Amino acid sequence: MAGKVYIVGAGPGDPELITVKGLRLLRKAQVVLYDHLVHTSLLKEVPPEARRVFVGKVAGHHSMKQEKINRLLVENAQMGFTVVRLKGGDPFIFGRVGEEMEYLEAHGVPYEVVPGVTAASAAASVGRFALTHRHHASLITFVTGHRREGKPLDLPFHLLARLGGTLVVYMGLGTLEWLQKGLLEGGMDPALPVFLAHRVTWPQERLVVTTLGGMVEARDRERLTPPVLVVVGGVVQKRLNHVR
């Protein structure tokens, strides 16, 4: 009897931010493959007889390569198991869900993707500002600050600087110098507010408000470590006014 794979977004950290559907699927899972940024308390919702497999990735270290994760999803589904692939945040935003869906489709494995709360929404919520605002931003741009080893950060900085609105950078802490340099050279105002959110909605959460011109210095001064979400734009001004 064929199994099925459910790719579930666990949300940004707070276990209560998983969707009702995601929680229901966890409670009937027979195999769970979970990521580094998934709150481990969610694993208590999994049936005790279910198999739990950690497949998390952190900067510079992968506990399991993506190719093997793909194979595990297919192999367990083909054995008839209900498989939950539990990902931090929302699988559709820089979560490599496209690769997993393509692999499942190529092997004829039925699957479903359950979206989750992304870190950008959570950061705006705890920061008490909106990602969009009719006076500040009518668009949002999501980019990743992740770069291949030995390669420069490959982003259209001049275009991003001209677009305006709200810029959200995932996985950007380690490339903050390139991001700052590129946006400033692209013409973005160095006084533009910036919000740095470390482990948003986790107990270890740290929030730093700074400016585009001062964000590298703020990172070093506050000794921030990954994961950090970076929000750049006028919408952060409300938060900046709040902390002054």
Protein backbone atom coordinates (compact mmCIF):
# COMPACT_ATOMS: atom_id res chain seq x y z
CA MET A 1 0.00 0.00 0.00
CA ALA A 2 1.48 3.31 -1.10
CA GLY A 3 2.36 5.92 1.48
CA LYS A 4 2.32 9.67 1.15
CA VAL A 5 4.69 12.54 1.93
CA TYR A 6 3.54 15.72 3.63
CA ILE A 7 5.96 18.64 3.46
CA VAL A 8 4.96 20.76 6.44
CA GLY A 9 6.03 24.25 7.45
CA ALA A 10 6.69 24.31 11.20
CA GLY A 11 6.79 28.11 11.43
CA PRO A 12 9.65 30.34 12.60
CA GLY A 13 10.28 28.77 16.01
CA ASP A 14 7.42 29.16 18.46
CA PRO A 15 5.77 25.71 18.35
CA GLU A 16 2.32 27.27 18.67
CA LEU A 17 2.78 28.93 15.27
CA ILE A 18 2.45 25.67 13.35
CA THR A 19 -0.83 25.43 11.46
CA VAL A 20 -3.70 23.28 12.70
CA LYS A 21 -3.33 21.08 9.63
CA GLY A 22 0.41 20.70 10.15
CA LEU A 23 -0.14 19.63 13.75
CA ARG A 24 -2.81 17.12 12.73
CA LEU A 25 -0.45 15.54 10.21
CA LEU A 26 2.37 15.32 12.76
CA ARG A 27 0.07 13.41 15.08
CA LYS A 28 -0.53 10.71 12.50
CA ALA A 29 3.01 10.54 11.08
CA GLN A 30 4.91 7.27 10.94
CA VAL A 31 8.20 8.83 9.82
CA VAL A 32 9.30 12.43 10.46
CA LEU A 33 12.31 14.05 8.80
CA TYR A 34 12.89 17.34 10.59
CA ASP A 35 15.15 20.35 10.15
CA HIS A 36 17.54 22.25 12.42
CA LEU A 37 15.18 25.21 12.96
CA VAL A 38 12.23 23.11 14.07
CA HIS A 39 11.34 23.43 17.75
CA THR A 40 11.92 20.00 19.28
CA SER A 41 8.77 20.26 21.41
CA LEU A 42 6.83 19.62 18.20
CA LEU A 43 8.34 16.14 18.09
CA LYS A 44 6.37 15.34 21.26
CA GLU A 45 3.25 15.51 19.11
CA VAL A 46 4.51 12.63 16.97
CA PRO A 47 3.25 9.12 17.89
CA PRO A 48 5.81 7.40 20.15
CA GLU A 49 6.27 4.52 17.72
CA ALA A 50 7.08 6.84 14.81
CA ARG A 51 10.60 7.13 13.46
CA ARG A 52 12.27 10.55 13.86
CA VAL A 53 15.18 11.47 11.59
CA PHE A 54 17.19 14.69 12.01
CA VAL A 55 18.22 16.05 8.61
CA GLY A 56 19.07 19.62 9.60
CA LYS A 57 21.52 21.94 7.93
CA VAL A 58 23.52 24.70 9.63
CA ALA A 59 26.10 27.02 8.09
CA GLY A 60 29.09 24.97 7.01
CA HIS A 61 27.65 21.63 8.12
CA HIS A 62 24.94 19.38 6.72
CA SER A 63 23.90 16.40 8.84
CA MET A 64 22.55 14.86 5.63
CA LYS A 65 22.91 15.88 2.00
CA GLN A 66 19.79 16.95 0.14
CA GLU A 67 20.07 14.00 -2.27
CA LYS A 68 19.86 11.53 0.62
CA ILE A 69 16.90 13.39 2.14
CA ASN A 70 15.11 13.08 -1.20
CA ARG A 71 15.81 9.34 -1.32
CA LEU A 72 14.59 8.82 2.24
CA LEU A 73 11.30 10.53 1.44
CA VAL A 74 10.72 8.26 -1.54
CA GLU A 75 11.90 5.04 0.12
CA ASN A 76 9.71 5.48 3.20
CA ALA A 77 6.65 6.43 1.16
CA GLN A 78 7.18 3.43 -1.11
CA MET A 79 7.19 1.20 2.00
CA GLY A 80 3.70 2.49 2.75
CA PHE A 81 4.51 4.99 5.51
CA THR A 82 2.92 8.36 6.17
CA VAL A 83 5.94 10.66 6.01
CA VAL A 84 6.14 14.22 7.33
CA ARG A 85 8.99 16.37 6.09
CA LEU A 86 9.03 19.06 8.79
CA LYS A 87 10.70 22.30 7.71
CA GLY A 88 11.29 25.54 9.59
CA GLY A 89 9.27 28.58 8.51
CA ASP A 90 7.43 28.21 5.22
CA PRO A 91 8.73 25.51 2.86
CA PHE A 92 8.08 27.67 -0.19
CA ILE A 93 10.46 30.46 0.85
CA PHE A 94 14.13 29.43 0.46
CA GLY A 95 13.27 25.97 1.76
CA ARG A 96 14.43 23.83 -1.20
CA VAL A 97 10.90 22.47 -1.42
CA GLY A 98 11.07 22.66 -5.20
CA GLU A 99 13.81 20.04 -5.31
CA GLU A 100 11.91 17.71 -3.01
CA MET A 101 8.66 18.07 -4.99
CA GLU A 102 10.47 17.40 -8.27
CA TYR A 103 12.08 14.27 -6.84
CA LEU A 104 8.80 12.95 -5.45
CA GLU A 105 7.02 13.60 -8.75
CA ALA A 106 9.79 11.88 -10.72
CA HIS A 107 9.30 8.76 -8.59
CA GLY A 108 5.52 8.81 -8.65
CA VAL A 109 5.16 9.45 -4.90
CA PRO A 110 2.00 11.31 -3.81
CA TYR A 111 2.67 14.36 -1.70
CA GLU A 112 1.12 17.51 -0.28
CA VAL A 113 2.73 20.74 0.91
CA VAL A 114 1.37 22.53 3.98
CA PRO A 115 2.56 26.16 4.14
CA GLY A 116 3.83 27.68 7.36
CA VAL A 117 4.43 31.08 8.95
CA THR A 118 7.58 32.53 7.43
CA ALA A 119 10.24 34.32 9.47
CA ALA A 120 9.52 37.65 7.77
CA SER A 121 5.92 37.73 9.04
CA ALA A 122 7.06 36.68 12.50
CA ALA A 123 9.80 39.33 12.60
CA ALA A 124 7.35 42.08 11.66
CA SER A 125 4.94 40.84 14.30
CA VAL A 126 7.44 40.89 17.16
CA GLY A 127 8.98 44.11 15.84
CA ARG A 128 5.59 45.81 15.81
CA PHE A 129 5.74 47.07 12.25
CA ALA A 130 3.98 46.03 9.06
CA LEU A 131 5.91 44.68 6.09
CA THR A 132 3.75 46.87 3.89
CA HIS A 133 2.40 50.34 4.65
CA ARG A 134 0.60 52.74 2.33
CA HIS A 135 2.97 55.56 3.31
CA HIS A 136 6.19 53.55 3.14
CA ALA A 137 6.00 50.34 1.12
CA SER A 138 3.66 48.97 -1.53
CA LEU A 139 5.93 46.03 -2.33
CA ILE A 140 8.12 43.47 -0.56
CA THR A 141 11.19 41.80 -2.00
CA PHE A 142 12.48 38.53 -0.49
CA VAL A 143 16.10 37.62 -1.23
CA THR A 144 18.60 35.19 0.21
CA GLY A 145 21.98 36.30 1.51
CA HIS A 146 23.33 32.76 1.19
CA ARG A 147 26.21 32.38 -1.23
CA ARG A 148 28.13 29.45 -2.59
CA GLU A 149 31.51 28.91 -0.98
CA GLY A 150 34.18 31.06 -2.60
CA LYS A 151 31.61 33.03 -4.62
CA PRO A 152 30.50 36.65 -4.10
CA LEU A 153 26.95 37.49 -3.09
CA ASP A 154 25.11 37.52 -6.40
CA LEU A 155 22.20 39.97 -6.11
CA PRO A 156 21.00 42.80 -8.42
CA PHE A 157 21.89 45.50 -5.89
CA HIS A 158 21.21 48.48 -8.14
CA LEU A 159 17.78 47.12 -8.97
CA LEU A 160 17.01 46.38 -5.31
CA ALA A 161 18.08 49.90 -4.33
CA ARG A 162 15.79 51.45 -6.98
CA LEU A 163 12.78 49.27 -6.20
CA GLY A 164 12.23 50.74 -2.75
CA GLY A 165 9.56 49.19 -0.56
CA THR A 166 10.61 46.60 2.00
CA LEU A 167 13.62 44.37 1.46
CA VAL A 168 13.78 41.14 3.48
CA VAL A 169 17.02 39.16 3.49
CA TYR A 170 17.01 35.55 4.69
CA MET A 171 20.31 33.95 5.77
CA GLY A 172 22.13 37.26 5.34
CA LEU A 173 24.22 37.62 8.47
CA GLY A 174 27.42 36.17 7.06
CA THR A 175 27.22 38.30 3.92
CA LEU A 176 26.10 41.53 5.58
CA GLU A 177 29.20 43.42 4.39
CA TRP A 178 28.44 42.57 0.74
CA LEU A 179 24.79 43.42 1.22
CA GLN A 180 25.57 46.78 2.81
CA LYS A 181 28.19 47.70 0.19
CA GLY A 182 25.99 46.66 -2.73
CA LEU A 183 22.90 48.53 -1.56
CA LEU A 184 24.83 51.70 -0.71
CA GLU A 185 26.60 51.64 -4.07
CA GLY A 186 23.21 51.09 -5.68
CA GLY A 187 22.03 54.37 -4.22
CA MET A 188 20.13 53.32 -1.12
CA ASP A 189 20.09 55.84 1.75
CA PRO A 190 22.55 54.87 4.54
CA ALA A 191 20.07 56.29 7.09
CA LEU A 192 17.37 53.80 6.03
CA PRO A 193 16.16 51.81 9.08
CA VAL A 194 17.21 48.17 9.39
CA PHE A 195 15.80 45.48 11.66
CA LEU A 196 17.96 42.47 12.59
CA ALA A 197 16.04 39.56 14.12
CA HIS A 198 17.95 36.62 15.61
CA ARG A 199 15.95 33.43 16.23
CA VAL A 200 12.66 35.26 15.97
CA THR A 201 9.90 33.83 18.27
CA TRP A 202 12.40 31.56 20.06
CA PRO A 203 13.26 32.03 23.77
CA GLN A 204 16.73 33.16 22.59
CA GLU A 205 15.22 35.87 20.37
CA ARG A 206 17.24 39.08 19.97
CA LEU A 207 16.05 42.15 18.09
CA VAL A 208 18.34 44.95 16.95
CA VAL A 209 17.27 48.18 15.25
CA THR A 210 19.93 50.05 13.30
CA THR A 211 20.47 51.69 9.90
CA LEU A 212 21.76 50.48 6.57
CA GLY A 213 25.00 52.38 7.13
CA GLY A 214 25.43 50.97 10.63
CA MET A 215 24.16 47.41 10.35
CA VAL A 216 27.57 45.68 10.10
CA GLU A 217 28.79 47.56 13.15
CA ALA A 218 25.56 46.67 14.98
CA ARG A 219 25.99 42.99 14.11
CA ASP A 220 29.51 42.96 15.50
CA ARG A 221 28.66 45.05 18.56
CA GLU A 222 25.73 42.80 19.48
CA ARG A 223 27.69 39.64 18.58
CA LEU A 224 24.81 38.28 16.56
CA THR A 225 25.04 34.74 15.24
CA PRO A 226 22.88 32.93 12.65
CA PRO A 227 20.05 32.65 11.99
CA VAL A 228 19.28 36.34 11.51
CA LEU A 229 16.60 37.87 9.32
CA VAL A 230 17.34 41.35 7.93
CA VAL A 231 14.53 43.80 7.14
CA VAL A 232 15.44 47.02 5.33
CA GLY A 233 13.00 49.84 4.69
CA GLY A 234 10.88 52.69 5.94
CA VAL A 235 8.41 50.33 7.59
CA VAL A 236 11.01 49.73 10.31
CA GLN A 237 10.84 53.41 11.30
CA LYS A 238 7.93 52.71 13.66
CA ARG A 239 10.05 50.21 15.55
CA LEU A 240 12.97 52.66 15.56
CA ASN A 241 10.76 55.37 17.07
CA HIS A 242 9.46 52.88 19.63
CA VAL A 243 12.91 51.98 21.00
CA ARG A 244 14.26 55.55 21.16
